[in-house]
Amino acid sequence: MAITEFGKAVRKARIDADVTLASMAEELQTTPSFLSAMEMGRKKIPDAWVSSIESYFVRRGVSVRLRELAD
């Protein structure tokens, strides 16, 4: 399965913020496999997670617009 546009944006933001999937998952109190599944389009992205992920990156000084990509 190919990475989604949402996943591409999240992955780029992680690179820009210099954080790993594991450290992001730990701070967001979830598993790396859950975040990976959202990135890869294997799981539907709950609205609350879109806001949490955007906020996560804002705290790191990385601006990313995910709402329209999550739909």
Protein backbone atom coordinates (compact mmCIF):
# COMPACT_ATOMS: atom_id res chain seq x y z
CA MET A 1 0.00 0.00 0.00
CA ALA A 2 1.35 3.42 -0.95
CA ILE A 3 1.79 6.20 1.55
CA THR A 4 -1.10 8.68 1.59
CA GLU A 5 -0.83 12.46 1.12
CA PHE A 6 -1.59 12.76 4.84
CA GLY A 7 1.22 10.31 5.55
CA LYS A 8 3.64 12.20 3.33
CA ALA A 9 2.85 15.44 5.16
CA VAL A 10 3.26 13.84 8.58
CA ARG A 11 6.50 12.12 7.60
CA LYS A 12 7.93 15.39 6.22
CA ALA A 13 6.89 17.22 9.38
CA ARG A 14 8.59 14.52 11.49
CA ILE A 15 11.79 14.94 9.48
CA ASP A 16 11.58 18.74 9.75
CA ALA A 17 11.02 18.45 13.52
CA ASP A 18 13.80 15.84 13.78
CA VAL A 19 11.63 13.34 15.69
CA THR A 20 11.16 9.62 15.24
CA LEU A 21 7.88 7.80 14.91
CA ALA A 22 8.60 6.11 18.24
CA SER A 23 9.22 9.36 20.13
CA MET A 24 6.16 10.96 18.57
CA ALA A 25 4.04 7.96 19.55
CA GLU A 26 5.36 8.05 23.10
CA GLU A 27 4.48 11.70 23.56
CA LEU A 28 1.04 11.24 21.98
CA GLN A 29 0.50 8.18 24.20
CA THR A 30 -0.09 5.72 21.40
CA THR A 31 1.91 3.09 19.56
CA PRO A 32 4.27 3.58 16.65
CA SER A 33 2.28 0.97 14.72
CA PHE A 34 -0.92 3.02 15.11
CA LEU A 35 0.77 6.18 13.79
CA SER A 36 2.38 4.20 10.99
CA ALA A 37 -0.97 2.72 9.97
CA MET A 38 -2.45 6.22 9.76
CA GLU A 39 0.50 7.42 7.67
CA MET A 40 0.21 4.47 5.31
CA GLY A 41 -3.57 4.73 4.95
CA ARG A 42 -4.28 1.40 6.67
CA LYS A 43 -6.38 3.15 9.33
CA LYS A 44 -8.95 5.90 9.02
CA ILE A 45 -7.71 9.04 10.71
CA PRO A 46 -9.95 10.08 13.60
CA ASP A 47 -10.64 13.84 13.72
CA ALA A 48 -9.23 14.14 17.23
CA TRP A 49 -5.92 12.69 16.04
CA VAL A 50 -5.58 15.22 13.24
CA SER A 51 -5.76 18.03 15.79
CA SER A 52 -3.39 16.24 18.17
CA ILE A 53 -0.81 15.66 15.46
CA GLU A 54 -1.03 19.25 14.20
CA SER A 55 -0.59 20.52 17.77
CA TYR A 56 2.35 18.17 18.29
CA PHE A 57 4.18 19.75 15.37
CA VAL A 58 3.22 23.32 16.28
CA ARG A 59 4.91 22.78 19.66
CA ARG A 60 8.05 21.93 17.70
CA GLY A 61 7.84 24.96 15.44
CA VAL A 62 6.72 23.01 12.37
CA SER A 63 3.63 24.26 10.58
CA VAL A 64 1.63 21.55 8.86
CA ARG A 65 -1.95 21.59 7.57
CA LEU A 66 -3.39 18.11 7.85
CA ARG A 67 -7.16 18.60 8.09
CA GLU A 68 -7.86 18.60 4.34
CA LEU A 69 -5.42 15.73 3.75
CA ALA A 70 -7.08 13.53 6.36
CA ASP A 71 -10.48 13.51 4.63
